[in-house]
Amino acid sequence: MKFILSTAIVFSAAFACTAQKADDVITPAEVSRVLGTLSSDAMEGRRTFTPGIEKAAAFIAEEFKKAGLQPGGTNGSFLQSFSMYQASVAGGTANVDGQTVAITDIICQTTSPKVTVSNTGNYEVVSINAKDNFFAQYRTLRNKTNNLIIFVDTAHRNSFQRLKSFAGGPQFASNNSQVYVLSSQVKPAAFQLDLTMRIEEKKLANVVAVLPGKSKPNEYVIFSGHYDHLGYGKPNEKGDSLYNGANDDASGTTAAILLAKYFKALGNNERTLVFAAFTAEEVGGYGATYFSKQYKPEQVMAMFNIEMIGTDSKWGTNSAYITGYEKSSMGTILEKNLQGTAFKFYPDPYPDQQLFYRSDNATLARLGVPAHTISTSKMDSEPHYHKASDEIGTLDTKNMAEIIRAIALSSRSIVSGTDTPTRVDTQSLR
């Protein structure tokens, strides 16, 4: 009994010390400072491939540097740089069952300057019918590594044009091509496409910092958010066309920065901690995809991806939800570590939205990593989502500080190496 009591006292003292550290480092004022900078007009909405996102990356890198973390990027910097390639159809001809197809009705994802496709060639033929879920099909197809020609029913014209605005955008270097053709014939008997492509190399960078583990340096715990947003868009009724992206996802990036400072100040992490601000989430999750390729998945013990935590959840303050809660034991570990506090984690209340597959956790989760997104966003009624009104004045920075503290406290047994979440069953993700 004395041993149990002594252990409880020591645990309580350690918990109180940890909580005090969080209170000292993670404050509403610091949340407002970092969030306000990232979502300021000076960052121009942090659109991918713009000077605004470069400003944001420099600010994040400087915050990691001032915190005393090690660079986790390229050539000893905090910027994890990589190249992607923008492909557009510059010219050529396309014929489907004797009918000419306009070049504007073709999307070609490739890094080859010339693309030739015919019914006698080495392309797999895929049809997207009028009643199919267009974007669900796209998400499945984009992960395939063989040559594809996808005929899309003209009933999906609006979705096709939306896809063209970003899927005709950047991609990684590849020896394979995917060609989307908007056509009234989704199962043609004969087709011939001879396309000339314009290929432009584009530079991107995640911002990555590392806090080496003391006794388990080759076991990694990741804290992340994406720092890109939409830039300028359609003006609202007030004439504002700048999409500042305060909640989406300057809030998650702010959390990653403050958690980095918190764990550096605490100085007792047994596992190596990696703090990442991802680029290009809004245009396809490319930053997280590249980042994931830099790690052996079996060495990543957990990933805390943080997305849109600036508003109260459907349960009010002191609460958040975890996407894919049932897919690993991570959620139950976090709840155990929060016993005795006012904070509560819940399973994702929007399963029909498939949020587990839509954020930057998905790439590592598909490799079996217990990688989950923490959010408070009310996906059925978030009034400022992807609008010019997503500004810092619409967010609750005091509650944000509580959420970040809760993430810090709930992760402590995973960070210390005493708890390891179960792996995600990759078979269940197919």
Protein backbone atom coordinates (compact mmCIF):
# COMPACT_ATOMS: atom_id res chain seq x y z
CA MET A 1 0.00 0.00 0.00
CA LYS A 2 2.86 2.40 0.88
CA PHE A 3 4.52 1.62 -2.46
CA ILE A 4 1.31 2.30 -4.37
CA LEU A 5 0.74 5.52 -2.47
CA SER A 6 4.32 6.68 -3.04
CA THR A 7 4.06 5.91 -6.75
CA ALA A 8 0.83 7.87 -6.97
CA ILE A 9 2.40 10.86 -5.23
CA VAL A 10 5.41 10.82 -7.55
CA PHE A 11 3.15 10.52 -10.60
CA SER A 12 0.97 13.38 -9.41
CA ALA A 13 4.02 15.56 -8.79
CA ALA A 14 5.38 14.77 -12.24
CA PHE A 15 1.98 15.55 -13.79
CA ALA A 16 1.83 18.87 -11.95
CA CYS A 17 5.35 19.75 -13.11
CA THR A 18 4.49 18.87 -16.69
CA ALA A 19 1.29 20.90 -16.52
CA GLN A 20 3.23 23.89 -15.17
CA LYS A 21 5.71 23.67 -18.04
CA ALA A 22 2.79 23.68 -20.49
CA ASP A 23 1.27 26.71 -18.74
CA ASP A 24 4.57 28.58 -18.93
CA VAL A 25 5.23 27.91 -22.63
CA ILE A 26 1.79 27.47 -24.19
CA THR A 27 -0.12 30.67 -23.44
CA PRO A 28 -2.96 32.51 -25.20
CA ALA A 29 -0.60 35.42 -25.79
CA GLU A 30 1.95 33.21 -27.54
CA VAL A 31 -0.81 31.53 -29.54
CA SER A 32 -2.00 34.97 -30.68
CA ARG A 33 1.51 36.09 -31.62
CA VAL A 34 2.36 33.06 -33.77
CA LEU A 35 -1.12 32.63 -35.22
CA GLY A 36 -1.41 36.34 -35.93
CA THR A 37 1.85 36.37 -37.86
CA LEU A 38 1.05 33.29 -39.93
CA SER A 39 -2.42 34.52 -40.85
CA SER A 40 -1.49 38.16 -41.39
CA ASP A 41 -2.05 39.93 -44.70
CA ALA A 42 1.73 40.04 -45.12
CA MET A 43 1.70 36.26 -45.75
CA GLU A 44 -0.75 36.77 -48.68
CA GLY A 45 -2.76 33.67 -47.84
CA ARG A 46 0.27 31.33 -48.04
CA ARG A 47 -0.69 29.90 -51.42
CA THR A 48 1.66 27.24 -52.78
CA PHE A 49 4.36 28.58 -55.14
CA THR A 50 3.99 32.23 -54.05
CA PRO A 51 6.26 34.66 -52.17
CA GLY A 52 3.72 34.59 -49.32
CA ILE A 53 4.31 30.94 -48.52
CA GLU A 54 8.06 31.51 -48.63
CA LYS A 55 7.65 34.25 -46.01
CA ALA A 56 5.67 31.85 -43.86
CA ALA A 57 8.31 29.13 -44.19
CA ALA A 58 11.04 31.57 -43.15
CA PHE A 59 9.03 32.61 -40.08
CA ILE A 60 8.41 29.01 -39.00
CA ALA A 61 12.07 28.10 -39.49
CA GLU A 62 13.12 31.07 -37.36
CA GLU A 63 10.72 30.02 -34.59
CA PHE A 64 12.23 26.51 -34.56
CA LYS A 65 15.73 27.98 -34.56
CA LYS A 66 15.00 30.34 -31.66
CA ALA A 67 13.55 27.40 -29.72
CA GLY A 68 16.92 25.63 -30.00
CA LEU A 69 15.80 22.66 -32.11
CA GLN A 70 17.95 20.89 -34.67
CA PRO A 71 17.25 21.43 -38.38
CA GLY A 72 15.48 18.49 -40.01
CA GLY A 73 15.54 19.71 -43.57
CA THR A 74 17.90 19.73 -46.53
CA ASN A 75 21.62 20.53 -46.25
CA GLY A 76 21.49 21.41 -42.58
CA SER A 77 18.54 23.80 -42.86
CA PHE A 78 15.01 23.69 -41.49
CA LEU A 79 13.60 23.67 -45.03
CA GLN A 80 13.00 20.19 -46.40
CA SER A 81 13.21 21.14 -50.07
CA PHE A 82 11.97 19.07 -53.00
CA SER A 83 10.91 19.49 -56.61
CA MET A 84 7.63 18.87 -58.33
CA TYR A 85 6.66 19.24 -61.94
CA GLN A 86 3.80 21.22 -63.46
CA ALA A 87 2.44 19.64 -66.63
CA SER A 88 0.07 21.27 -69.08
CA VAL A 89 -1.04 20.17 -72.51
CA ALA A 90 0.65 22.52 -74.97
CA GLY A 91 -0.80 20.99 -78.12
CA GLY A 92 -1.55 17.83 -80.04
CA THR A 93 -4.57 15.86 -81.19
CA ALA A 94 -7.09 13.56 -79.54
CA ASN A 95 -9.66 11.31 -81.17
CA VAL A 96 -12.18 9.05 -79.40
CA ASP A 97 -14.39 6.75 -81.50
CA GLY A 98 -13.92 9.03 -84.50
CA GLN A 99 -14.78 12.20 -82.58
CA THR A 100 -12.24 14.97 -81.98
CA VAL A 101 -11.73 15.83 -78.31
CA ALA A 102 -10.75 19.38 -77.40
CA ILE A 103 -7.41 19.76 -75.67
CA THR A 104 -9.23 21.68 -72.93
CA ASP A 105 -11.10 18.46 -72.09
CA ILE A 106 -7.89 16.61 -71.27
CA ILE A 107 -5.87 16.47 -68.05
CA CYS A 108 -2.48 14.81 -68.30
CA GLN A 109 -0.47 14.06 -65.19
CA THR A 110 3.01 13.29 -66.44
CA THR A 111 6.60 14.43 -66.48
CA SER A 112 7.15 13.33 -70.08
CA PRO A 113 7.34 15.97 -72.83
CA LYS A 114 5.44 13.70 -75.27
CA VAL A 115 2.50 11.42 -74.45
CA THR A 116 1.02 9.00 -76.96
CA VAL A 117 -1.97 6.87 -75.98
CA SER A 118 -4.02 4.46 -78.07
CA ASN A 119 -6.26 1.46 -77.61
CA THR A 120 -3.37 -0.70 -78.85
CA GLY A 121 -0.85 0.76 -76.38
CA ASN A 122 0.26 -0.04 -72.83
CA TYR A 123 -2.30 2.08 -70.96
CA GLU A 124 -4.89 0.60 -68.63
CA VAL A 125 -8.36 1.92 -69.49
CA VAL A 126 -10.58 3.16 -66.64
CA SER A 127 -14.13 4.53 -66.83
CA ILE A 128 -15.75 7.03 -64.47
CA ASN A 129 -19.48 6.74 -65.11
CA ALA A 130 -22.15 9.39 -64.55
CA LYS A 131 -23.29 7.87 -61.24
CA ASP A 132 -19.78 7.32 -59.82
CA ASN A 133 -18.31 9.45 -57.03
CA PHE A 134 -15.84 11.38 -59.14
CA PHE A 135 -13.41 12.54 -56.45
CA ALA A 136 -13.51 9.23 -54.59
CA GLN A 137 -12.44 7.57 -57.84
CA TYR A 138 -9.71 10.16 -58.34
CA ARG A 139 -8.29 9.64 -54.85
CA THR A 140 -8.02 5.92 -55.54
CA LEU A 141 -6.55 6.27 -59.02
CA ARG A 142 -3.90 8.84 -58.16
CA ASN A 143 -2.13 6.28 -55.96
CA LYS A 144 -1.70 3.83 -58.84
CA THR A 145 1.73 3.62 -60.44
CA ASN A 146 0.91 2.29 -63.92
CA ASN A 147 -0.06 4.17 -67.06
CA LEU A 148 -3.77 5.00 -67.05
CA ILE A 149 -6.23 6.60 -69.42
CA ILE A 150 -9.41 7.55 -67.60
CA PHE A 151 -12.55 8.36 -69.56
CA VAL A 152 -14.82 10.65 -67.56
CA ASP A 153 -18.52 10.99 -68.33
CA THR A 154 -19.52 14.53 -69.31
CA ALA A 155 -21.99 14.52 -66.39
CA HIS A 156 -18.90 15.26 -64.27
CA ARG A 157 -17.89 18.36 -66.26
CA ASN A 158 -17.94 20.68 -63.23
CA SER A 159 -15.94 18.26 -61.11
CA PHE A 160 -13.56 17.71 -64.03
CA GLN A 161 -12.88 21.45 -64.21
CA ARG A 162 -12.30 21.58 -60.45
CA LEU A 163 -9.87 18.69 -60.79
CA LYS A 164 -8.13 20.47 -63.62
CA SER A 165 -7.43 23.45 -61.39
CA PHE A 166 -5.22 21.37 -59.10
CA ALA A 167 -4.69 17.86 -60.51
CA GLY A 168 -3.24 19.38 -63.65
CA GLY A 169 -0.89 20.96 -61.17
CA PRO A 170 2.32 19.77 -59.53
CA GLN A 171 3.36 16.15 -59.26
CA PHE A 172 6.43 14.14 -58.36
CA ALA A 173 8.80 12.90 -61.04
CA SER A 174 7.48 9.67 -62.51
CA ASN A 175 7.97 7.34 -65.45
CA ASN A 176 4.20 6.85 -65.71
CA SER A 177 1.34 8.99 -66.95
CA GLN A 178 -2.33 9.40 -66.09
CA VAL A 179 -4.56 10.93 -68.76
CA TYR A 180 -8.12 12.07 -67.97
CA VAL A 181 -10.44 12.59 -70.94
CA LEU A 182 -13.89 14.19 -70.64
CA SER A 183 -16.00 12.24 -73.10
CA SER A 184 -19.54 11.09 -73.89
CA GLN A 185 -17.97 7.67 -74.50
CA VAL A 186 -16.51 6.21 -71.30
CA LYS A 187 -15.87 2.81 -72.90
CA PRO A 188 -14.68 3.67 -76.41
CA ALA A 189 -13.72 1.03 -78.93
CA ALA A 190 -10.89 3.11 -80.40
CA PHE A 191 -8.90 6.16 -79.32
CA GLN A 192 -5.68 7.91 -80.26
CA LEU A 193 -4.07 10.79 -78.35
CA ASP A 194 -0.80 12.46 -79.36
CA LEU A 195 -0.02 15.17 -76.84
CA THR A 196 2.81 17.66 -76.51
CA MET A 197 3.38 18.66 -72.91
CA ARG A 198 4.81 21.75 -71.27
CA ILE A 199 6.78 20.66 -68.16
CA GLU A 200 7.87 23.20 -65.55
CA GLU A 201 9.92 22.35 -62.45
CA LYS A 202 8.61 23.90 -59.24
CA LYS A 203 10.30 24.07 -55.86
CA LEU A 204 8.55 23.32 -52.57
CA ALA A 205 9.62 23.02 -48.96
CA ASN A 206 8.29 21.59 -45.73
CA VAL A 207 9.70 23.11 -42.54
CA VAL A 208 11.09 20.43 -40.23
CA ALA A 209 12.76 20.52 -36.81
CA VAL A 210 14.08 17.68 -34.66
CA LEU A 211 14.49 17.12 -30.92
CA PRO A 212 16.67 13.98 -30.56
CA GLY A 213 15.52 11.27 -28.16
CA LYS A 214 17.63 10.44 -25.13
CA SER A 215 17.35 6.64 -24.97
CA LYS A 216 15.32 5.77 -28.10
CA PRO A 217 16.70 8.06 -30.82
CA ASN A 218 15.56 5.79 -33.66
CA GLU A 219 11.92 5.83 -32.57
CA TYR A 220 10.05 8.86 -33.85
CA VAL A 221 6.98 10.79 -32.72
CA ILE A 222 5.73 13.41 -35.17
CA PHE A 223 3.77 16.60 -34.48
CA SER A 224 2.57 18.37 -37.61
CA GLY A 225 0.23 20.79 -39.34
CA HIS A 226 0.11 22.27 -42.84
CA TYR A 227 1.10 25.88 -43.34
CA ASP A 228 -0.16 26.48 -46.88
CA HIS A 229 -3.58 27.93 -47.70
CA LEU A 230 -5.47 29.35 -50.68
CA GLY A 231 -4.00 32.82 -51.26
CA TYR A 232 -6.35 35.17 -53.12
CA GLY A 233 -9.81 34.09 -54.22
CA LYS A 234 -13.30 35.32 -55.01
CA PRO A 235 -14.07 38.57 -53.13
CA ASN A 236 -16.73 38.42 -50.43
CA GLU A 237 -19.51 40.96 -49.89
CA LYS A 238 -16.96 43.27 -48.20
CA GLY A 239 -14.62 43.12 -51.18
CA ASP A 240 -12.06 41.04 -49.30
CA SER A 241 -10.36 38.55 -51.62
CA LEU A 242 -7.50 37.47 -49.33
CA TYR A 243 -7.95 34.04 -47.75
CA ASN A 244 -5.82 34.33 -44.61
CA GLY A 245 -6.35 30.73 -43.48
CA ALA A 246 -6.16 31.41 -39.74
CA ASN A 247 -7.98 28.24 -38.75
CA ASP A 248 -7.00 26.28 -41.86
CA ASP A 249 -4.30 25.63 -40.94
CA ALA A 250 -2.28 28.38 -39.30
CA SER A 251 -3.86 27.05 -36.10
CA GLY A 252 -2.31 23.59 -36.54
CA THR A 253 1.06 25.06 -37.52
CA THR A 254 0.93 27.29 -34.44
CA ALA A 255 0.33 24.20 -32.33
CA ALA A 256 3.34 22.41 -33.84
CA ILE A 257 5.58 25.42 -33.13
CA LEU A 258 4.43 25.77 -29.51
CA LEU A 259 4.71 22.04 -28.89
CA ALA A 260 8.29 22.19 -30.17
CA LYS A 261 9.08 24.93 -27.67
CA TYR A 262 7.29 23.05 -24.89
CA PHE A 263 9.13 19.76 -25.36
CA LYS A 264 12.46 21.56 -25.76
CA ALA A 265 11.85 23.32 -22.44
CA LEU A 266 10.79 20.06 -20.80
CA GLY A 267 13.93 18.30 -22.07
CA ASN A 268 12.96 14.74 -21.12
CA ASN A 269 11.84 13.09 -24.36
CA GLU A 270 13.19 9.55 -24.68
CA ARG A 271 11.98 9.20 -28.27
CA THR A 272 13.05 11.56 -31.05
CA LEU A 273 10.43 14.22 -31.73
CA VAL A 274 9.92 15.63 -35.20
CA PHE A 275 7.99 18.86 -35.75
CA ALA A 276 6.80 19.45 -39.31
CA ALA A 277 4.93 22.21 -41.10
CA PHE A 278 3.75 20.76 -44.40
CA THR A 279 3.39 22.57 -47.70
CA ALA A 280 0.92 21.89 -50.53
CA GLU A 281 -1.82 20.21 -48.48
CA GLU A 282 -4.49 22.24 -50.21
CA VAL A 283 -3.37 21.12 -53.68
CA GLY A 284 -3.00 17.40 -53.00
CA GLY A 285 -1.07 16.71 -49.79
CA TYR A 286 2.27 16.71 -51.57
CA GLY A 287 4.33 18.02 -48.65
CA ALA A 288 3.22 15.25 -46.31
CA THR A 289 3.68 12.67 -49.06
CA TYR A 290 7.30 13.71 -49.59
CA PHE A 291 7.96 13.94 -45.85
CA SER A 292 6.61 10.42 -45.28
CA LYS A 293 9.08 8.97 -47.75
CA GLN A 294 11.99 10.16 -45.61
CA TYR A 295 11.16 7.78 -42.73
CA LYS A 296 10.93 4.04 -42.28
CA PRO A 297 7.31 3.59 -41.21
CA GLU A 298 8.20 0.95 -38.61
CA GLN A 299 10.31 3.55 -36.80
CA VAL A 300 7.47 6.06 -36.52
CA MET A 301 5.66 5.31 -33.28
CA ALA A 302 2.91 7.94 -33.62
CA MET A 303 1.88 11.00 -35.56
CA PHE A 304 -0.13 13.88 -34.10
CA ASN A 305 -1.37 15.84 -37.10
CA ILE A 306 -3.20 19.00 -36.04
CA GLU A 307 -5.78 20.60 -38.31
CA MET A 308 -8.18 23.45 -37.59
CA ILE A 309 -8.30 23.79 -33.79
CA GLY A 310 -9.24 27.48 -33.64
CA THR A 311 -12.97 27.06 -33.01
CA ASP A 312 -14.90 25.20 -30.34
CA SER A 313 -15.81 21.61 -31.17
CA LYS A 314 -19.43 20.41 -31.21
CA TRP A 315 -18.98 19.56 -27.50
CA GLY A 316 -17.81 23.06 -26.61
CA THR A 317 -14.50 24.13 -25.08
CA ASN A 318 -11.89 21.74 -23.60
CA SER A 319 -12.63 19.10 -26.23
CA ALA A 320 -11.42 17.89 -29.61
CA TYR A 321 -11.82 14.82 -31.78
CA ILE A 322 -9.39 12.30 -33.25
CA THR A 323 -9.88 11.03 -36.79
CA GLY A 324 -9.67 7.26 -37.24
CA TYR A 325 -10.03 6.84 -33.47
CA GLU A 326 -10.92 3.16 -33.81
CA LYS A 327 -7.98 2.32 -36.07
CA SER A 328 -5.33 2.26 -33.32
CA SER A 329 -5.06 2.49 -29.54
CA MET A 330 -3.65 6.02 -29.69
CA GLY A 331 -6.90 7.68 -28.65
CA THR A 332 -7.29 5.55 -25.53
CA ILE A 333 -3.68 6.32 -24.54
CA LEU A 334 -4.31 10.05 -24.88
CA GLU A 335 -7.48 9.85 -22.81
CA LYS A 336 -5.69 7.87 -20.09
CA ASN A 337 -3.02 10.56 -19.86
CA LEU A 338 -5.67 13.26 -19.50
CA GLN A 339 -7.48 11.67 -16.57
CA GLY A 340 -7.97 14.26 -13.84
CA THR A 341 -8.10 17.17 -16.29
CA ALA A 342 -11.12 18.95 -17.75
CA PHE A 343 -10.17 18.04 -21.32
CA LYS A 344 -11.81 15.27 -23.35
CA PHE A 345 -10.92 13.65 -26.68
CA TYR A 346 -13.75 12.13 -28.73
CA PRO A 347 -13.91 9.89 -31.79
CA ASP A 348 -14.48 11.71 -35.10
CA PRO A 349 -18.19 12.66 -35.21
CA TYR A 350 -18.16 13.10 -39.00
CA PRO A 351 -17.33 9.62 -40.36
CA ASP A 352 -19.19 10.31 -43.61
CA GLN A 353 -16.62 13.03 -44.37
CA GLN A 354 -13.76 10.47 -44.32
CA LEU A 355 -11.48 12.96 -42.58
CA PHE A 356 -8.98 10.24 -41.64
CA TYR A 357 -8.09 9.95 -45.34
CA ARG A 358 -8.24 13.66 -46.20
CA SER A 359 -5.49 15.22 -44.10
CA ASP A 360 -1.72 14.93 -43.83
CA ASN A 361 -1.86 11.92 -41.52
CA ALA A 362 -3.15 9.70 -44.32
CA THR A 363 0.12 8.90 -46.10
CA LEU A 364 1.77 7.44 -42.99
CA ALA A 365 -1.47 5.82 -41.81
CA ARG A 366 -1.64 3.87 -45.06
CA LEU A 367 1.79 2.49 -44.16
CA GLY A 368 0.53 1.25 -40.79
CA VAL A 369 1.67 4.16 -38.62
CA PRO A 370 -0.77 5.20 -35.85
CA ALA A 371 -1.12 8.59 -37.53
CA HIS A 372 -4.20 10.60 -36.62
CA THR A 373 -5.49 14.13 -37.03
CA ILE A 374 -6.70 16.14 -34.04
CA SER A 375 -9.32 18.78 -34.84
CA THR A 376 -12.24 20.76 -33.45
CA SER A 377 -13.68 21.84 -36.79
CA LYS A 378 -17.45 21.42 -37.07
CA MET A 379 -17.37 20.05 -40.60
CA ASP A 380 -21.14 20.29 -40.99
CA SER A 381 -21.37 23.95 -39.94
CA GLU A 382 -17.99 25.72 -40.02
CA PRO A 383 -18.95 29.21 -41.30
CA HIS A 384 -15.48 30.43 -42.30
CA TYR A 385 -14.03 27.29 -43.91
CA HIS A 386 -12.23 28.19 -47.17
CA LYS A 387 -13.53 31.75 -47.03
CA ALA A 388 -11.95 35.19 -46.77
CA SER A 389 -13.49 35.45 -43.30
CA ASP A 390 -11.11 32.77 -41.90
CA GLU A 391 -9.18 35.36 -39.90
CA ILE A 392 -7.71 35.40 -36.40
CA GLY A 393 -10.60 37.50 -35.09
CA THR A 394 -12.96 34.58 -35.62
CA LEU A 395 -10.90 32.18 -33.47
CA ASP A 396 -10.74 31.47 -29.73
CA THR A 397 -7.03 31.69 -28.90
CA LYS A 398 -7.61 30.94 -25.20
CA ASN A 399 -9.30 27.64 -26.04
CA MET A 400 -6.58 26.96 -28.62
CA ALA A 401 -3.98 27.20 -25.85
CA GLU A 402 -5.96 24.66 -23.80
CA ILE A 403 -6.13 22.28 -26.75
CA ILE A 404 -2.37 22.53 -27.37
CA ARG A 405 -1.69 21.94 -23.67
CA ALA A 406 -3.96 18.90 -23.79
CA ILE A 407 -2.03 17.50 -26.76
CA ALA A 408 1.22 18.07 -24.86
CA LEU A 409 -0.03 16.34 -21.71
CA SER A 410 -1.83 13.50 -23.49
CA SER A 411 1.25 12.60 -25.57
CA ARG A 412 3.69 12.37 -22.67
CA SER A 413 3.72 8.57 -22.25
CA ILE A 414 4.23 8.12 -26.00
CA VAL A 415 7.01 10.71 -26.00
CA SER A 416 8.66 8.99 -23.02
CA GLY A 417 8.45 5.58 -24.68
CA THR A 418 6.33 3.97 -21.97
CA ASP A 419 3.32 3.67 -24.29
CA THR A 420 3.27 2.63 -27.93
CA PRO A 421 0.00 2.79 -29.88
CA THR A 422 -1.07 -0.24 -31.89
CA ARG A 423 -0.43 -0.08 -35.62
CA VAL A 424 -3.09 0.76 -38.16
CA ASP A 425 -4.31 -2.31 -40.03
CA THR A 426 -3.43 -1.46 -43.61
CA GLN A 427 -5.82 -4.10 -44.92
CA SER A 428 -8.72 -2.13 -43.49
CA LEU A 429 -7.70 0.94 -45.50
CA ARG A 430 -8.14 -0.64 -48.89
